[in-house]
Amino acid sequence: MKNHLFLVLIGLLLFACDGTNESTEETPKDTTNQEASNEDTEADIVQKIDESETSANQQISIGTFVGVEQGDYFYFKMKTDSGEEKSLMVLQGDDTFDAMFENPDSYKGKKVKVTWVATKQDIPEAGGVIDIDKYIKAEIIK
């Protein structure tokens, strides 16, 4: 009787181990496939963003500096010579932006030439990839 009970216990252990191995084998395969498809999607997004930010796609606006707005991100605010108010998202500043950010009142009303690009950008706070007008650089026109 003891031998029979011992064999039953060994059989249950082997059965339990086989079930665990099967389920762990399936899970990584599914996860790997999902990760690969997510990476493809992210790579496609990055490629589209990179393609949209070429110098051929950059635009130049001339106008007056209005100020810097700060929220989740910084925004370079200007009024173009044609009267349009522009708000450009600053993801990477330059020396001109840094100076204007440090002392915006001394630059308000100054004439500026701003290079920017309309692009797609992953903004997690906005829920993912959105269209933005991205600040590239600015020059103060004398």
N, C-alpha and C. Protein backbone atom coordinates (compact mmCIF):
# COMPACT_ATOMS: atom_id res chain seq x y z
N MET A 1 0.82 -1.19 0.00
CA MET A 1 0.00 0.00 0.00
C MET A 1 0.87 1.26 0.00
N LYS A 2 1.94 1.24 0.80
CA LYS A 2 2.83 2.40 0.86
C LYS A 2 3.47 2.63 -0.51
N ASN A 3 3.85 1.56 -1.19
CA ASN A 3 4.46 1.70 -2.52
C ASN A 3 3.48 2.31 -3.50
N HIS A 4 2.23 1.88 -3.42
CA HIS A 4 1.22 2.40 -4.32
C HIS A 4 1.00 3.90 -4.08
N LEU A 5 0.92 4.32 -2.84
CA LEU A 5 0.75 5.73 -2.50
C LEU A 5 1.95 6.55 -2.96
N PHE A 6 3.14 5.97 -2.79
CA PHE A 6 4.37 6.62 -3.22
C PHE A 6 4.35 6.83 -4.73
N LEU A 7 3.95 5.85 -5.51
CA LEU A 7 3.88 5.96 -6.96
C LEU A 7 2.84 7.00 -7.41
N VAL A 8 1.73 7.06 -6.71
CA VAL A 8 0.70 8.04 -7.03
C VAL A 8 1.24 9.47 -6.80
N LEU A 9 1.94 9.67 -5.69
CA LEU A 9 2.52 10.99 -5.39
C LEU A 9 3.55 11.40 -6.44
N ILE A 10 4.40 10.45 -6.83
CA ILE A 10 5.41 10.75 -7.85
C ILE A 10 4.72 11.09 -9.18
N GLY A 11 3.68 10.35 -9.52
CA GLY A 11 2.93 10.61 -10.74
C GLY A 11 2.30 12.00 -10.71
N LEU A 12 1.73 12.39 -9.58
CA LEU A 12 1.13 13.72 -9.45
C LEU A 12 2.17 14.82 -9.58
N LEU A 13 3.35 14.60 -8.98
CA LEU A 13 4.42 15.59 -9.08
C LEU A 13 4.89 15.74 -10.53
N LEU A 14 5.06 14.62 -11.21
CA LEU A 14 5.48 14.68 -12.61
C LEU A 14 4.43 15.37 -13.47
N PHE A 15 3.17 15.06 -13.21
CA PHE A 15 2.08 15.68 -13.95
C PHE A 15 2.05 17.19 -13.70
N ALA A 16 2.23 17.59 -12.46
CA ALA A 16 2.23 19.02 -12.11
C ALA A 16 3.41 19.73 -12.77
N CYS A 17 4.56 19.10 -12.78
CA CYS A 17 5.74 19.72 -13.41
C CYS A 17 5.56 19.85 -14.91
N ASP A 18 4.99 18.85 -15.57
CA ASP A 18 4.76 18.91 -17.01
C ASP A 18 3.78 20.02 -17.36
N GLY A 19 2.75 20.23 -16.59
CA GLY A 19 1.77 21.28 -16.83
C GLY A 19 2.41 22.65 -16.69
N THR A 20 3.30 22.80 -15.71
CA THR A 20 3.97 24.09 -15.52
C THR A 20 4.88 24.40 -16.69
N ASN A 21 5.62 23.41 -17.17
CA ASN A 21 6.53 23.64 -18.29
C ASN A 21 5.77 24.01 -19.55
N GLU A 22 4.63 23.38 -19.77
CA GLU A 22 3.87 23.69 -20.97
C GLU A 22 3.35 25.11 -20.93
N SER A 23 2.83 25.55 -19.80
CA SER A 23 2.26 26.88 -19.75
C SER A 23 3.35 27.95 -19.84
N THR A 24 4.54 27.72 -19.27
CA THR A 24 5.59 28.72 -19.36
C THR A 24 6.18 28.76 -20.76
N GLU A 25 6.13 27.67 -21.49
CA GLU A 25 6.62 27.70 -22.85
C GLU A 25 5.72 28.55 -23.74
N GLU A 26 4.41 28.49 -23.53
CA GLU A 26 3.49 29.26 -24.37
C GLU A 26 3.55 30.75 -24.06
N THR A 27 3.67 31.11 -22.82
CA THR A 27 3.65 32.52 -22.44
C THR A 27 4.80 33.30 -23.07
N PRO A 28 6.05 32.83 -22.98
CA PRO A 28 7.11 33.62 -23.61
C PRO A 28 6.94 33.78 -25.12
N LYS A 29 6.43 32.75 -25.79
CA LYS A 29 6.22 32.88 -27.23
C LYS A 29 5.23 34.01 -27.52
N ASP A 30 4.12 34.04 -26.78
CA ASP A 30 3.13 35.09 -26.99
C ASP A 30 3.71 36.46 -26.67
N THR A 31 4.43 36.57 -25.56
CA THR A 31 5.01 37.84 -25.16
C THR A 31 6.03 38.30 -26.19
N THR A 32 6.86 37.39 -26.67
CA THR A 32 7.87 37.75 -27.66
C THR A 32 7.21 38.28 -28.92
N ASN A 33 6.15 37.63 -29.37
CA ASN A 33 5.46 38.10 -30.56
C ASN A 33 4.87 39.49 -30.34
N GLN A 34 4.28 39.73 -29.17
CA GLN A 34 3.71 41.04 -28.88
C GLN A 34 4.80 42.09 -28.81
N GLU A 35 5.93 41.76 -28.16
CA GLU A 35 7.02 42.72 -28.06
C GLU A 35 7.58 43.05 -29.44
N ALA A 36 7.70 42.05 -30.30
CA ALA A 36 8.21 42.29 -31.64
C ALA A 36 7.27 43.22 -32.41
N SER A 37 5.96 43.00 -32.29
CA SER A 37 5.03 43.87 -33.01
C SER A 37 5.04 45.27 -32.41
N ASN A 38 5.20 45.42 -31.08
CA ASN A 38 5.29 46.74 -30.47
C ASN A 38 6.55 47.46 -30.94
N GLU A 39 7.67 46.73 -31.03
CA GLU A 39 8.92 47.34 -31.48
C GLU A 39 8.78 47.81 -32.92
N ASP A 40 8.12 47.02 -33.76
CA ASP A 40 7.91 47.44 -35.14
C ASP A 40 7.11 48.73 -35.18
N THR A 41 6.07 48.82 -34.38
CA THR A 41 5.25 50.02 -34.34
C THR A 41 6.07 51.21 -33.88
N GLU A 42 6.84 51.05 -32.81
CA GLU A 42 7.67 52.15 -32.31
C GLU A 42 8.73 52.55 -33.33
N ALA A 43 9.32 51.57 -34.00
CA ALA A 43 10.33 51.86 -35.02
C ALA A 43 9.70 52.62 -36.18
N ASP A 44 8.49 52.24 -36.58
CA ASP A 44 7.80 52.95 -37.65
C ASP A 44 7.53 54.39 -37.26
N ILE A 45 7.11 54.60 -36.02
CA ILE A 45 6.83 55.96 -35.54
C ILE A 45 8.09 56.79 -35.55
N VAL A 46 9.18 56.24 -35.01
CA VAL A 46 10.45 56.97 -34.97
C VAL A 46 10.91 57.31 -36.37
N GLN A 47 10.78 56.38 -37.31
CA GLN A 47 11.19 56.63 -38.69
C GLN A 47 10.35 57.76 -39.29
N LYS A 48 9.04 57.75 -39.06
CA LYS A 48 8.19 58.80 -39.60
C LYS A 48 8.55 60.16 -39.00
N ILE A 49 8.84 60.17 -37.70
CA ILE A 49 9.24 61.43 -37.06
C ILE A 49 10.54 61.92 -37.66
N ASP A 50 11.53 61.03 -37.79
CA ASP A 50 12.81 61.43 -38.35
C ASP A 50 12.65 61.96 -39.77
N GLU A 51 11.81 61.31 -40.58
CA GLU A 51 11.60 61.74 -41.96
C GLU A 51 10.92 63.11 -42.02
N SER A 52 10.04 63.39 -41.05
CA SER A 52 9.31 64.65 -41.09
C SER A 52 10.15 65.83 -40.62
N GLU A 53 11.30 65.57 -40.01
CA GLU A 53 12.11 66.64 -39.46
C GLU A 53 13.35 66.96 -40.30
N THR A 54 13.34 66.59 -41.54
CA THR A 54 14.48 66.93 -42.41
C THR A 54 14.51 68.42 -42.65
N SER A 55 15.67 68.94 -43.04
CA SER A 55 15.79 70.37 -43.28
C SER A 55 14.86 70.83 -44.40
N ALA A 56 14.52 69.94 -45.32
CA ALA A 56 13.60 70.29 -46.40
C ALA A 56 12.20 70.58 -45.86
N ASN A 57 11.84 69.99 -44.72
CA ASN A 57 10.52 70.19 -44.13
C ASN A 57 10.48 71.33 -43.13
N GLN A 58 11.63 71.90 -42.80
CA GLN A 58 11.67 72.99 -41.83
C GLN A 58 11.11 74.27 -42.45
N GLN A 59 10.50 75.06 -41.59
CA GLN A 59 9.92 76.33 -42.02
C GLN A 59 10.55 77.46 -41.22
N ILE A 60 10.47 78.66 -41.75
CA ILE A 60 11.01 79.83 -41.07
C ILE A 60 9.88 80.85 -40.93
N SER A 61 9.75 81.37 -39.71
CA SER A 61 8.79 82.44 -39.45
C SER A 61 9.55 83.63 -38.89
N ILE A 62 9.15 84.82 -39.34
CA ILE A 62 9.75 86.05 -38.84
C ILE A 62 8.65 86.86 -38.16
N GLY A 63 8.98 87.39 -36.99
CA GLY A 63 7.99 88.16 -36.25
C GLY A 63 8.60 88.71 -34.97
N THR A 64 7.76 88.89 -33.96
CA THR A 64 8.23 89.43 -32.69
C THR A 64 8.04 88.40 -31.59
N PHE A 65 8.99 88.40 -30.67
CA PHE A 65 8.94 87.48 -29.52
C PHE A 65 7.89 87.96 -28.54
N VAL A 66 7.01 87.04 -28.13
CA VAL A 66 5.94 87.36 -27.18
C VAL A 66 6.29 86.85 -25.79
N GLY A 67 6.90 85.68 -25.70
CA GLY A 67 7.25 85.13 -24.40
C GLY A 67 7.47 83.64 -24.45
N VAL A 68 7.69 83.08 -23.26
CA VAL A 68 7.87 81.64 -23.10
C VAL A 68 6.77 81.16 -22.15
N GLU A 69 6.11 80.11 -22.56
CA GLU A 69 5.07 79.51 -21.72
C GLU A 69 5.58 78.18 -21.21
N GLN A 70 5.30 77.90 -19.96
CA GLN A 70 5.77 76.64 -19.37
C GLN A 70 4.59 75.86 -18.82
N GLY A 71 4.48 74.61 -19.25
CA GLY A 71 3.49 73.67 -18.74
C GLY A 71 4.23 72.36 -18.57
N ASP A 72 3.71 71.29 -19.15
CA ASP A 72 4.47 70.03 -19.18
C ASP A 72 5.72 70.21 -20.03
N TYR A 73 5.65 71.11 -21.00
CA TYR A 73 6.76 71.41 -21.90
C TYR A 73 6.89 72.92 -22.01
N PHE A 74 7.98 73.39 -22.62
CA PHE A 74 8.17 74.81 -22.88
C PHE A 74 7.63 75.14 -24.26
N TYR A 75 7.10 76.35 -24.39
CA TYR A 75 6.58 76.83 -25.66
C TYR A 75 7.17 78.20 -25.96
N PHE A 76 7.69 78.35 -27.17
CA PHE A 76 8.21 79.62 -27.66
C PHE A 76 7.03 80.32 -28.31
N LYS A 77 6.67 81.49 -27.80
CA LYS A 77 5.51 82.22 -28.29
C LYS A 77 5.98 83.42 -29.11
N MET A 78 5.37 83.58 -30.29
CA MET A 78 5.73 84.70 -31.16
C MET A 78 4.51 85.15 -31.94
N LYS A 79 4.59 86.36 -32.48
CA LYS A 79 3.57 86.87 -33.38
C LYS A 79 4.28 87.16 -34.70
N THR A 80 3.83 86.51 -35.77
CA THR A 80 4.49 86.67 -37.06
C THR A 80 4.18 88.05 -37.64
N ASP A 81 4.96 88.44 -38.63
CA ASP A 81 4.74 89.72 -39.30
C ASP A 81 3.35 89.79 -39.94
N SER A 82 2.79 88.63 -40.28
CA SER A 82 1.44 88.61 -40.89
C SER A 82 0.34 88.65 -39.82
N GLY A 83 0.73 88.69 -38.53
CA GLY A 83 -0.25 88.81 -37.45
C GLY A 83 -0.65 87.49 -36.79
N GLU A 84 -0.13 86.38 -37.29
CA GLU A 84 -0.46 85.06 -36.74
C GLU A 84 0.33 84.83 -35.44
N GLU A 85 -0.37 84.34 -34.43
CA GLU A 85 0.31 83.97 -33.19
C GLU A 85 0.73 82.51 -33.29
N LYS A 86 2.01 82.26 -33.01
CA LYS A 86 2.55 80.89 -33.09
C LYS A 86 3.03 80.48 -31.71
N SER A 87 2.77 79.23 -31.40
CA SER A 87 3.26 78.62 -30.16
C SER A 87 4.00 77.35 -30.57
N LEU A 88 5.31 77.36 -30.41
CA LEU A 88 6.15 76.26 -30.86
C LEU A 88 6.66 75.47 -29.67
N MET A 89 6.45 74.16 -29.68
CA MET A 89 6.90 73.31 -28.58
C MET A 89 8.42 73.19 -28.62
N VAL A 90 9.05 73.43 -27.49
CA VAL A 90 10.51 73.38 -27.39
C VAL A 90 10.88 72.07 -26.70
N LEU A 91 11.43 71.14 -27.49
CA LEU A 91 11.89 69.87 -26.93
C LEU A 91 13.39 69.90 -26.69
N GLN A 92 14.08 70.78 -27.42
CA GLN A 92 15.52 70.96 -27.23
C GLN A 92 15.83 72.43 -27.52
N GLY A 93 16.29 73.11 -26.50
CA GLY A 93 16.57 74.52 -26.64
C GLY A 93 17.91 74.78 -27.30
N ASP A 94 18.19 76.05 -27.53
CA ASP A 94 19.48 76.50 -28.04
C ASP A 94 19.89 77.71 -27.20
N ASP A 95 21.01 78.33 -27.52
CA ASP A 95 21.49 79.47 -26.74
C ASP A 95 20.48 80.62 -26.73
N THR A 96 19.87 80.88 -27.87
CA THR A 96 18.90 81.98 -27.96
C THR A 96 17.69 81.69 -27.07
N PHE A 97 17.16 80.47 -27.15
CA PHE A 97 16.01 80.13 -26.32
C PHE A 97 16.39 80.21 -24.84
N ASP A 98 17.56 79.70 -24.49
CA ASP A 98 17.98 79.73 -23.08
C ASP A 98 18.04 81.17 -22.56
N ALA A 99 18.57 82.09 -23.36
CA ALA A 99 18.65 83.49 -22.94
C ALA A 99 17.25 84.09 -22.78
N MET A 100 16.37 83.78 -23.73
CA MET A 100 15.00 84.30 -23.67
C MET A 100 14.23 83.72 -22.49
N PHE A 101 14.49 82.46 -22.18
CA PHE A 101 13.83 81.81 -21.06
C PHE A 101 14.28 82.44 -19.74
N GLU A 102 15.56 82.72 -19.63
CA GLU A 102 16.11 83.29 -18.39
C GLU A 102 15.58 84.70 -18.11
N ASN A 103 15.37 85.49 -19.17
CA ASN A 103 14.94 86.87 -18.98
C ASN A 103 13.98 87.27 -20.10
N PRO A 104 12.77 86.69 -20.11
CA PRO A 104 11.86 86.93 -21.24
C PRO A 104 11.45 88.39 -21.40
N ASP A 105 11.33 89.13 -20.30
CA ASP A 105 10.88 90.53 -20.40
C ASP A 105 11.84 91.39 -21.23
N SER A 106 13.13 91.11 -21.15
CA SER A 106 14.09 91.93 -21.90
C SER A 106 14.08 91.61 -23.40
N TYR A 107 13.44 90.51 -23.80
CA TYR A 107 13.39 90.15 -25.22
C TYR A 107 12.00 90.36 -25.83
N LYS A 108 10.98 90.62 -25.00
CA LYS A 108 9.62 90.81 -25.54
C LYS A 108 9.61 91.96 -26.53
N GLY A 109 8.97 91.71 -27.67
CA GLY A 109 8.86 92.72 -28.71
C GLY A 109 10.05 92.75 -29.66
N LYS A 110 11.09 91.97 -29.38
CA LYS A 110 12.26 91.93 -30.27
C LYS A 110 11.92 91.13 -31.53
N LYS A 111 12.50 91.53 -32.62
CA LYS A 111 12.31 90.85 -33.91
C LYS A 111 13.10 89.54 -33.90
N VAL A 112 12.43 88.43 -34.31
CA VAL A 112 13.09 87.11 -34.32
C VAL A 112 12.83 86.39 -35.63
N LYS A 113 13.77 85.55 -35.96
CA LYS A 113 13.65 84.62 -37.10
C LYS A 113 13.71 83.23 -36.48
N VAL A 114 12.62 82.47 -36.62
CA VAL A 114 12.51 81.17 -35.95
C VAL A 114 12.39 80.06 -36.99
N THR A 115 13.21 79.04 -36.81
CA THR A 115 13.14 77.83 -37.64
C THR A 115 12.35 76.80 -36.84
N TRP A 116 11.37 76.17 -37.51
CA TRP A 116 10.52 75.19 -36.85
C TRP A 116 10.06 74.15 -37.86
N VAL A 117 9.46 73.09 -37.36
CA VAL A 117 8.98 72.02 -38.24
C VAL A 117 7.66 71.48 -37.71
N ALA A 118 6.72 71.24 -38.61
CA ALA A 118 5.48 70.56 -38.27
C ALA A 118 5.79 69.06 -38.32
N THR A 119 5.60 68.38 -37.21
CA THR A 119 6.00 66.98 -37.12
C THR A 119 5.07 66.20 -36.20
N LYS A 120 5.28 64.92 -36.15
CA LYS A 120 4.59 64.05 -35.19
C LYS A 120 5.56 63.76 -34.07
N GLN A 121 5.06 63.75 -32.85
CA GLN A 121 5.92 63.52 -31.69
C GLN A 121 5.16 62.69 -30.67
N ASP A 122 5.85 61.77 -30.03
CA ASP A 122 5.25 60.98 -28.96
C ASP A 122 5.25 61.83 -27.70
N ILE A 123 4.08 62.27 -27.29
CA ILE A 123 3.90 63.08 -26.08
C ILE A 123 3.01 62.27 -25.14
N PRO A 124 3.61 61.56 -24.18
CA PRO A 124 2.82 60.70 -23.28
C PRO A 124 1.71 61.46 -22.55
N GLU A 125 1.96 62.71 -22.18
CA GLU A 125 0.95 63.48 -21.45
C GLU A 125 -0.27 63.78 -22.31
N ALA A 126 -0.10 63.72 -23.63
CA ALA A 126 -1.21 63.96 -24.56
C ALA A 126 -1.83 62.66 -25.05
N GLY A 127 -1.32 61.54 -24.56
CA GLY A 127 -1.89 60.25 -24.92
C GLY A 127 -1.20 59.54 -26.06
N GLY A 128 -0.03 60.00 -26.48
CA GLY A 128 0.70 59.29 -27.53
C GLY A 128 1.22 60.23 -28.59
N VAL A 129 1.22 59.75 -29.83
CA VAL A 129 1.79 60.50 -30.94
C VAL A 129 0.77 61.56 -31.41
N ILE A 130 1.24 62.82 -31.44
CA ILE A 130 0.38 63.91 -31.89
C ILE A 130 1.15 64.80 -32.86
N ASP A 131 0.42 65.65 -33.59
CA ASP A 131 1.03 66.64 -34.48
C ASP A 131 1.42 67.86 -33.65
N ILE A 132 2.65 68.33 -33.83
CA ILE A 132 3.10 69.53 -33.13
C ILE A 132 3.88 70.43 -34.08
N ASP A 133 4.00 71.68 -33.71
CA ASP A 133 4.93 72.61 -34.36
C ASP A 133 6.12 72.68 -33.41
N LYS A 134 7.24 72.12 -33.86
CA LYS A 134 8.42 71.96 -33.01
C LYS A 134 9.46 73.04 -33.29
N TYR A 135 9.87 73.72 -32.24
CA TYR A 135 10.92 74.73 -32.29
C TYR A 135 12.24 74.06 -32.62
N ILE A 136 12.98 74.62 -33.57
CA ILE A 136 14.32 74.13 -33.89
C ILE A 136 15.38 75.12 -33.39
N LYS A 137 15.25 76.39 -33.82
CA LYS A 137 16.20 77.42 -33.36
C LYS A 137 15.61 78.79 -33.62
N ALA A 138 16.21 79.79 -32.97
CA ALA A 138 15.77 81.18 -33.17
C ALA A 138 16.99 82.08 -33.26
N GLU A 139 16.81 83.17 -33.99
CA GLU A 139 17.84 84.19 -34.09
C GLU A 139 17.17 85.53 -33.83
N ILE A 140 17.85 86.40 -33.10
CA ILE A 140 17.35 87.75 -32.89
C ILE A 140 17.84 88.58 -34.08
N ILE A 141 16.89 89.24 -34.74
CA ILE A 141 17.19 90.07 -35.90
C ILE A 141 17.44 91.50 -35.42
N LYS A 142 18.53 92.07 -35.82
CA LYS A 142 18.86 93.44 -35.38
C LYS A 142 18.48 94.46 -36.39
